N, C-alpha and C. Protein backbone atom coordinates (compact mmCIF):
# COMPACT_ATOMS: atom_id res chain seq x y z
N MET A 1 29.33 35.73 7.01
CA MET A 1 30.27 35.16 6.08
C MET A 1 31.67 35.65 6.41
N ALA A 2 32.64 34.78 6.32
CA ALA A 2 34.03 35.12 6.64
C ALA A 2 34.64 35.96 5.53
N THR A 3 35.57 36.78 5.93
CA THR A 3 36.33 37.55 4.96
C THR A 3 37.36 36.61 4.33
N HIS A 4 37.47 36.64 3.03
CA HIS A 4 38.43 35.76 2.36
C HIS A 4 39.81 36.39 2.43
N ILE A 5 40.79 35.55 2.69
CA ILE A 5 42.16 36.04 2.75
C ILE A 5 42.94 35.48 1.57
N SER A 6 43.97 36.17 1.22
CA SER A 6 44.84 35.74 0.14
C SER A 6 45.56 34.46 0.55
N THR A 7 45.74 33.55 -0.40
CA THR A 7 46.46 32.32 -0.08
C THR A 7 47.91 32.61 0.27
N GLU A 8 48.43 33.77 -0.13
CA GLU A 8 49.81 34.12 0.21
C GLU A 8 49.96 34.41 1.70
N SER A 9 48.89 34.82 2.37
CA SER A 9 48.98 35.16 3.79
C SER A 9 48.64 33.98 4.70
N VAL A 10 48.36 32.84 4.13
CA VAL A 10 48.01 31.65 4.90
C VAL A 10 49.29 31.01 5.45
N ASP A 11 49.20 30.53 6.67
CA ASP A 11 50.34 29.86 7.29
C ASP A 11 50.77 28.68 6.42
N PRO A 12 52.06 28.59 6.07
CA PRO A 12 52.52 27.50 5.20
C PRO A 12 52.34 26.11 5.82
N ARG A 13 52.18 26.04 7.12
CA ARG A 13 51.97 24.74 7.76
C ARG A 13 50.60 24.16 7.41
N LEU A 14 49.69 25.00 6.89
CA LEU A 14 48.37 24.50 6.49
C LEU A 14 48.50 23.41 5.44
N GLU A 15 49.38 23.61 4.46
CA GLU A 15 49.57 22.58 3.42
C GLU A 15 50.07 21.28 4.03
N GLU A 16 50.95 21.38 5.03
CA GLU A 16 51.43 20.18 5.72
C GLU A 16 50.28 19.47 6.42
N GLY A 17 49.44 20.23 7.11
CA GLY A 17 48.29 19.64 7.79
C GLY A 17 47.32 18.98 6.82
N ILE A 18 47.09 19.63 5.69
CA ILE A 18 46.21 19.06 4.67
C ILE A 18 46.79 17.78 4.10
N ALA A 19 48.09 17.77 3.84
CA ALA A 19 48.74 16.55 3.33
C ALA A 19 48.58 15.41 4.33
N LEU A 20 48.77 15.68 5.60
CA LEU A 20 48.60 14.64 6.62
C LEU A 20 47.15 14.15 6.67
N PHE A 21 46.20 15.06 6.59
CA PHE A 21 44.78 14.69 6.56
C PHE A 21 44.52 13.76 5.38
N ASN A 22 45.00 14.14 4.21
CA ASN A 22 44.74 13.36 3.00
C ASN A 22 45.48 12.03 2.98
N GLN A 23 46.46 11.86 3.86
CA GLN A 23 47.16 10.58 3.99
C GLN A 23 46.55 9.72 5.09
N GLY A 24 45.48 10.20 5.71
CA GLY A 24 44.86 9.45 6.79
C GLY A 24 45.59 9.58 8.11
N GLU A 25 46.49 10.53 8.21
CA GLU A 25 47.26 10.79 9.45
C GLU A 25 46.51 11.85 10.25
N TYR A 26 45.32 11.49 10.72
CA TYR A 26 44.42 12.47 11.32
C TYR A 26 44.96 13.06 12.62
N TYR A 27 45.61 12.25 13.44
CA TYR A 27 46.13 12.79 14.70
C TYR A 27 47.30 13.73 14.45
N ARG A 28 48.18 13.36 13.53
CA ARG A 28 49.30 14.25 13.20
C ARG A 28 48.80 15.53 12.55
N CYS A 29 47.77 15.44 11.74
CA CYS A 29 47.14 16.62 11.15
C CYS A 29 46.65 17.54 12.27
N HIS A 30 46.01 16.95 13.26
CA HIS A 30 45.53 17.72 14.41
C HIS A 30 46.67 18.48 15.08
N ASP A 31 47.80 17.81 15.29
CA ASP A 31 48.93 18.46 15.95
C ASP A 31 49.41 19.68 15.18
N VAL A 32 49.52 19.55 13.86
CA VAL A 32 49.99 20.66 13.03
C VAL A 32 48.98 21.80 13.05
N LEU A 33 47.71 21.49 12.84
CA LEU A 33 46.69 22.53 12.78
C LEU A 33 46.44 23.18 14.14
N GLU A 34 46.60 22.41 15.20
CA GLU A 34 46.42 23.00 16.53
C GLU A 34 47.47 24.08 16.79
N ALA A 35 48.70 23.83 16.36
CA ALA A 35 49.76 24.82 16.53
C ALA A 35 49.42 26.10 15.76
N ILE A 36 48.89 25.95 14.55
CA ILE A 36 48.50 27.13 13.76
C ILE A 36 47.32 27.83 14.44
N TRP A 37 46.34 27.06 14.86
CA TRP A 37 45.14 27.60 15.50
C TRP A 37 45.50 28.44 16.73
N MET A 38 46.43 27.96 17.53
CA MET A 38 46.81 28.67 18.74
C MET A 38 47.43 30.03 18.43
N GLU A 39 48.08 30.16 17.27
CA GLU A 39 48.75 31.40 16.89
C GLU A 39 47.88 32.29 16.00
N ALA A 40 46.80 31.77 15.48
CA ALA A 40 45.98 32.49 14.49
C ALA A 40 45.24 33.66 15.12
N ASN A 41 44.89 34.62 14.26
CA ASN A 41 44.09 35.74 14.75
C ASN A 41 42.65 35.26 14.98
N THR A 42 41.90 36.07 15.67
CA THR A 42 40.54 35.71 16.08
C THR A 42 39.65 35.31 14.91
N LEU A 43 39.76 35.99 13.78
CA LEU A 43 38.91 35.70 12.63
C LEU A 43 39.25 34.37 11.96
N GLU A 44 40.52 33.96 12.02
CA GLU A 44 40.95 32.72 11.37
C GLU A 44 40.83 31.50 12.26
N LYS A 45 40.76 31.68 13.56
CA LYS A 45 40.73 30.54 14.48
C LYS A 45 39.65 29.51 14.14
N PRO A 46 38.40 29.92 13.86
CA PRO A 46 37.38 28.91 13.55
C PRO A 46 37.69 28.10 12.29
N PHE A 47 38.38 28.69 11.33
CA PHE A 47 38.77 27.98 10.11
C PHE A 47 39.68 26.81 10.46
N TYR A 48 40.76 27.10 11.18
CA TYR A 48 41.69 26.04 11.55
C TYR A 48 41.05 25.04 12.51
N GLN A 49 40.29 25.54 13.46
CA GLN A 49 39.65 24.66 14.43
C GLN A 49 38.65 23.72 13.76
N GLY A 50 37.90 24.22 12.78
CA GLY A 50 36.95 23.36 12.08
C GLY A 50 37.62 22.20 11.37
N ILE A 51 38.72 22.50 10.68
CA ILE A 51 39.44 21.42 9.98
C ILE A 51 40.00 20.43 10.99
N LEU A 52 40.61 20.93 12.06
CA LEU A 52 41.21 20.00 13.01
C LEU A 52 40.14 19.19 13.74
N GLN A 53 38.94 19.76 13.95
CA GLN A 53 37.87 18.99 14.58
C GLN A 53 37.39 17.86 13.67
N ILE A 54 37.32 18.10 12.38
CA ILE A 54 36.96 17.02 11.46
C ILE A 54 38.04 15.94 11.48
N ALA A 55 39.31 16.35 11.50
CA ALA A 55 40.41 15.38 11.57
C ALA A 55 40.31 14.55 12.85
N VAL A 56 40.07 15.19 13.98
CA VAL A 56 39.97 14.46 15.24
C VAL A 56 38.71 13.58 15.25
N GLY A 57 37.64 14.05 14.62
CA GLY A 57 36.45 13.21 14.51
C GLY A 57 36.74 11.92 13.76
N LEU A 58 37.51 12.02 12.68
CA LEU A 58 37.88 10.82 11.92
C LEU A 58 38.85 9.95 12.72
N TYR A 59 39.71 10.57 13.50
CA TYR A 59 40.61 9.81 14.38
C TYR A 59 39.78 9.03 15.41
N HIS A 60 38.80 9.70 16.02
CA HIS A 60 37.92 9.00 16.97
C HIS A 60 37.19 7.86 16.28
N LEU A 61 36.74 8.08 15.06
CA LEU A 61 36.06 7.02 14.32
C LEU A 61 36.99 5.83 14.12
N SER A 62 38.25 6.10 13.79
CA SER A 62 39.21 5.00 13.59
C SER A 62 39.44 4.21 14.87
N ASN A 63 39.17 4.83 16.02
CA ASN A 63 39.29 4.15 17.32
C ASN A 63 37.94 3.63 17.83
N LEU A 64 36.95 3.60 16.94
CA LEU A 64 35.61 3.08 17.24
C LEU A 64 34.89 3.89 18.31
N ASN A 65 35.24 5.15 18.43
CA ASN A 65 34.60 6.05 19.39
C ASN A 65 33.48 6.79 18.67
N TRP A 66 32.30 6.17 18.63
CA TRP A 66 31.16 6.73 17.90
C TRP A 66 30.78 8.11 18.42
N GLN A 67 30.70 8.25 19.73
CA GLN A 67 30.28 9.52 20.31
C GLN A 67 31.29 10.63 20.01
N GLY A 68 32.58 10.37 20.22
CA GLY A 68 33.60 11.37 19.94
C GLY A 68 33.62 11.76 18.47
N ALA A 69 33.47 10.77 17.60
CA ALA A 69 33.45 11.05 16.16
C ALA A 69 32.24 11.91 15.80
N SER A 70 31.09 11.55 16.33
CA SER A 70 29.86 12.30 16.03
C SER A 70 29.96 13.75 16.50
N ILE A 71 30.41 13.94 17.71
CA ILE A 71 30.49 15.29 18.27
C ILE A 71 31.46 16.15 17.47
N LEU A 72 32.67 15.63 17.23
CA LEU A 72 33.69 16.46 16.58
C LEU A 72 33.42 16.67 15.09
N LEU A 73 32.87 15.68 14.41
CA LEU A 73 32.49 15.92 13.01
C LEU A 73 31.43 17.01 12.93
N GLY A 74 30.44 16.94 13.81
CA GLY A 74 29.39 17.95 13.82
C GLY A 74 29.92 19.34 14.15
N GLU A 75 30.78 19.43 15.16
CA GLU A 75 31.34 20.73 15.53
C GLU A 75 32.23 21.29 14.42
N GLY A 76 33.02 20.41 13.79
CA GLY A 76 33.89 20.87 12.71
C GLY A 76 33.11 21.39 11.52
N VAL A 77 32.08 20.64 11.13
CA VAL A 77 31.23 21.06 10.01
C VAL A 77 30.59 22.42 10.31
N ASN A 78 30.02 22.55 11.49
CA ASN A 78 29.35 23.80 11.84
C ASN A 78 30.31 24.98 11.95
N ARG A 79 31.52 24.72 12.41
CA ARG A 79 32.51 25.79 12.53
C ARG A 79 32.98 26.26 11.15
N LEU A 80 32.99 25.36 10.17
CA LEU A 80 33.47 25.72 8.83
C LEU A 80 32.41 26.35 7.94
N ARG A 81 31.15 26.17 8.24
CA ARG A 81 30.07 26.68 7.37
C ARG A 81 30.22 28.17 7.02
N PRO A 82 30.60 29.05 7.95
CA PRO A 82 30.74 30.47 7.58
C PRO A 82 31.84 30.73 6.56
N PHE A 83 32.73 29.77 6.35
CA PHE A 83 33.84 29.95 5.42
C PHE A 83 33.54 29.41 4.02
N GLU A 84 32.33 28.84 3.84
CA GLU A 84 31.95 28.33 2.52
C GLU A 84 31.77 29.48 1.54
N PRO A 85 32.01 29.25 0.29
CA PRO A 85 32.39 27.99 -0.35
C PRO A 85 33.90 27.72 -0.31
N ALA A 86 34.71 28.75 -0.14
CA ALA A 86 36.16 28.54 -0.13
C ALA A 86 36.80 29.58 0.77
N TYR A 87 37.94 29.20 1.34
CA TYR A 87 38.69 30.11 2.20
C TYR A 87 40.14 29.68 2.17
N ALA A 88 41.02 30.64 2.02
CA ALA A 88 42.46 30.39 2.04
C ALA A 88 42.88 29.32 1.04
N GLY A 89 42.19 29.26 -0.09
CA GLY A 89 42.52 28.29 -1.12
C GLY A 89 41.94 26.91 -0.90
N VAL A 90 41.20 26.71 0.19
CA VAL A 90 40.64 25.40 0.54
C VAL A 90 39.18 25.34 0.09
N ASP A 91 38.81 24.23 -0.52
CA ASP A 91 37.43 23.99 -0.94
C ASP A 91 36.62 23.61 0.30
N ILE A 92 36.15 24.61 1.01
CA ILE A 92 35.43 24.40 2.26
C ILE A 92 34.08 23.72 2.01
N ALA A 93 33.38 24.11 0.96
CA ALA A 93 32.08 23.51 0.67
C ALA A 93 32.19 22.00 0.52
N ARG A 94 33.22 21.55 -0.16
CA ARG A 94 33.41 20.11 -0.36
C ARG A 94 33.75 19.42 0.96
N LEU A 95 34.59 20.06 1.78
CA LEU A 95 34.95 19.48 3.07
C LEU A 95 33.73 19.41 4.00
N VAL A 96 32.92 20.45 4.01
CA VAL A 96 31.70 20.46 4.82
C VAL A 96 30.75 19.35 4.35
N ASP A 97 30.57 19.22 3.05
CA ASP A 97 29.70 18.16 2.52
C ASP A 97 30.20 16.78 2.91
N CYS A 98 31.51 16.59 2.84
CA CYS A 98 32.11 15.30 3.20
C CYS A 98 31.92 15.02 4.69
N GLY A 99 32.24 16.01 5.52
CA GLY A 99 32.07 15.83 6.97
C GLY A 99 30.62 15.54 7.33
N TRP A 100 29.70 16.25 6.69
CA TRP A 100 28.27 16.03 6.93
C TRP A 100 27.86 14.62 6.50
N ALA A 101 28.38 14.16 5.37
CA ALA A 101 28.04 12.82 4.88
C ALA A 101 28.50 11.74 5.87
N TRP A 102 29.72 11.88 6.41
CA TRP A 102 30.21 10.89 7.37
C TRP A 102 29.43 10.96 8.67
N LEU A 103 29.07 12.16 9.10
CA LEU A 103 28.26 12.32 10.30
C LEU A 103 26.89 11.67 10.10
N THR A 104 26.29 11.89 8.95
CA THR A 104 24.99 11.28 8.63
C THR A 104 25.11 9.76 8.62
N MET A 105 26.19 9.26 8.01
CA MET A 105 26.39 7.81 7.98
C MET A 105 26.50 7.25 9.40
N LEU A 106 27.23 7.93 10.26
CA LEU A 106 27.36 7.48 11.65
C LEU A 106 26.00 7.46 12.34
N HIS A 107 25.23 8.50 12.17
CA HIS A 107 23.95 8.59 12.86
C HIS A 107 22.93 7.60 12.31
N GLN A 108 22.97 7.35 11.02
CA GLN A 108 22.00 6.42 10.45
C GLN A 108 22.35 4.96 10.72
N THR A 109 23.62 4.66 10.89
CA THR A 109 24.01 3.28 11.19
C THR A 109 24.03 3.02 12.69
N GLY A 110 24.30 4.04 13.49
CA GLY A 110 24.28 3.92 14.95
C GLY A 110 25.56 3.39 15.55
N PRO A 111 25.67 3.50 16.87
CA PRO A 111 26.89 3.09 17.57
C PRO A 111 27.23 1.62 17.41
N ASP A 112 26.23 0.77 17.25
CA ASP A 112 26.49 -0.67 17.14
C ASP A 112 27.22 -1.04 15.85
N ARG A 113 27.21 -0.15 14.86
CA ARG A 113 27.85 -0.45 13.58
C ARG A 113 29.05 0.46 13.33
N VAL A 114 29.60 1.05 14.39
CA VAL A 114 30.72 1.97 14.23
C VAL A 114 31.92 1.29 13.58
N ALA A 115 32.16 0.02 13.86
CA ALA A 115 33.31 -0.68 13.27
C ALA A 115 33.17 -0.77 11.76
N GLU A 116 31.96 -0.97 11.29
CA GLU A 116 31.72 -1.05 9.84
C GLU A 116 32.02 0.29 9.17
N VAL A 117 31.59 1.37 9.80
CA VAL A 117 31.86 2.70 9.25
C VAL A 117 33.36 3.00 9.34
N ALA A 118 33.97 2.68 10.47
CA ALA A 118 35.40 2.96 10.68
C ALA A 118 36.27 2.22 9.67
N ALA A 119 35.86 1.02 9.29
CA ALA A 119 36.65 0.23 8.34
C ALA A 119 36.77 0.92 6.99
N ALA A 120 35.86 1.82 6.68
CA ALA A 120 35.87 2.51 5.39
C ALA A 120 36.73 3.77 5.40
N VAL A 121 37.17 4.22 6.58
CA VAL A 121 37.96 5.45 6.68
C VAL A 121 39.39 5.15 6.27
N PRO A 122 39.90 5.89 5.28
CA PRO A 122 41.29 5.69 4.87
C PRO A 122 42.24 6.12 5.98
N LEU A 123 43.08 5.21 6.39
CA LEU A 123 44.09 5.51 7.40
C LEU A 123 45.47 5.30 6.80
N ALA A 124 46.45 5.77 7.48
CA ALA A 124 47.82 5.66 6.99
C ALA A 124 48.29 4.21 6.94
N GLN A 125 47.66 3.32 7.69
CA GLN A 125 48.11 1.94 7.77
C GLN A 125 47.73 1.14 6.53
N GLY A 126 48.35 1.47 5.41
CA GLY A 126 48.23 0.64 4.23
C GLY A 126 47.07 0.95 3.30
N LYS A 127 46.13 1.79 3.68
CA LYS A 127 45.03 2.12 2.78
C LYS A 127 45.46 3.28 1.89
N PRO A 128 44.87 3.38 0.71
CA PRO A 128 45.26 4.48 -0.19
C PRO A 128 44.90 5.83 0.39
N ALA A 129 45.69 6.83 0.02
CA ALA A 129 45.42 8.19 0.47
C ALA A 129 44.06 8.64 -0.04
N ALA A 130 43.34 9.36 0.78
CA ALA A 130 41.99 9.79 0.44
C ALA A 130 41.97 10.69 -0.78
N GLY A 131 42.98 11.51 -0.95
CA GLY A 131 42.99 12.47 -2.04
C GLY A 131 43.30 11.88 -3.40
N ALA A 132 43.55 10.58 -3.47
CA ALA A 132 43.97 9.96 -4.72
C ALA A 132 42.89 10.04 -5.80
N ASP A 133 41.65 9.82 -5.44
CA ASP A 133 40.55 9.83 -6.41
C ASP A 133 39.44 10.73 -5.89
N PRO A 134 39.29 11.92 -6.46
CA PRO A 134 38.30 12.86 -5.93
C PRO A 134 36.86 12.39 -6.08
N ASP A 135 36.62 11.39 -6.90
CA ASP A 135 35.26 10.89 -7.10
C ASP A 135 35.00 9.59 -6.34
N ALA A 136 35.97 9.11 -5.57
CA ALA A 136 35.81 7.86 -4.84
C ALA A 136 34.71 8.00 -3.79
N MET A 137 33.89 6.98 -3.70
CA MET A 137 32.77 6.99 -2.75
C MET A 137 32.82 5.71 -1.92
N VAL A 138 32.25 5.79 -0.75
CA VAL A 138 32.08 4.66 0.14
C VAL A 138 30.58 4.49 0.34
N THR A 139 30.10 3.26 0.29
CA THR A 139 28.68 3.00 0.53
C THR A 139 28.56 2.04 1.70
N ILE A 140 27.86 2.47 2.72
CA ILE A 140 27.60 1.64 3.90
C ILE A 140 26.12 1.76 4.20
N ALA A 141 25.48 0.61 4.32
CA ALA A 141 24.05 0.56 4.63
C ALA A 141 23.24 1.43 3.67
N GLY A 142 23.64 1.43 2.41
CA GLY A 142 22.93 2.20 1.40
C GLY A 142 23.20 3.69 1.42
N ILE A 143 24.14 4.13 2.24
CA ILE A 143 24.48 5.55 2.36
C ILE A 143 25.80 5.79 1.63
N ASP A 144 25.79 6.72 0.68
CA ASP A 144 26.99 7.06 -0.07
C ASP A 144 27.70 8.24 0.57
N SER A 145 29.02 8.14 0.64
CA SER A 145 29.80 9.24 1.18
C SER A 145 31.13 9.31 0.44
N PRO A 146 31.60 10.53 0.15
CA PRO A 146 32.94 10.65 -0.44
C PRO A 146 34.00 10.30 0.60
N LEU A 147 35.13 9.83 0.12
CA LEU A 147 36.24 9.59 1.04
C LEU A 147 36.68 10.93 1.63
N PRO A 148 37.09 10.94 2.91
CA PRO A 148 37.53 12.19 3.52
C PRO A 148 38.77 12.73 2.82
N ALA A 149 38.70 13.96 2.38
CA ALA A 149 39.84 14.61 1.73
C ALA A 149 39.63 16.12 1.76
N ILE A 150 40.74 16.84 1.75
CA ILE A 150 40.71 18.29 1.67
C ILE A 150 41.30 18.67 0.33
N TYR A 151 40.58 19.48 -0.41
CA TYR A 151 41.02 19.89 -1.74
C TYR A 151 41.38 21.36 -1.73
N LEU A 152 42.49 21.66 -2.41
CA LEU A 152 42.96 23.04 -2.55
C LEU A 152 42.68 23.53 -3.95
N PHE A 153 42.32 24.79 -4.07
CA PHE A 153 42.21 25.42 -5.38
C PHE A 153 43.60 25.86 -5.79
N THR A 154 43.93 25.65 -7.05
CA THR A 154 45.26 26.05 -7.52
C THR A 154 45.18 27.28 -8.38
């Protein structure tokens, strides 16, 4: 289990990265979090890397890259598990559950239906921000999944 750190010691760019994630700006989120990850200490690196891998997984999904989305969602979820239930003010358990749900949806629908799954991912191009409704769900092929969002504890 990871050691919990005070939210005061967290890099302030994390909030920027989270805001970009919640706006569907997954690639820009990756850029911000990658910069933090490169500077982070050894214990914090997996935290930042896990979030950015989920963001890149969703970016790959938006580009209909089933394999890239599957790999990065899985890696991100697994990298974040040691930080559950919360770390640095972030609801990690909820993010892990969400990432796992999207990965499950991808695997159960398969590569041939990647466009159907991708159409449900909130992107910056005119779709509502994911964080707008914490109870919003997407159902594809009978599989329910929460919209991708990162929640902070206040």
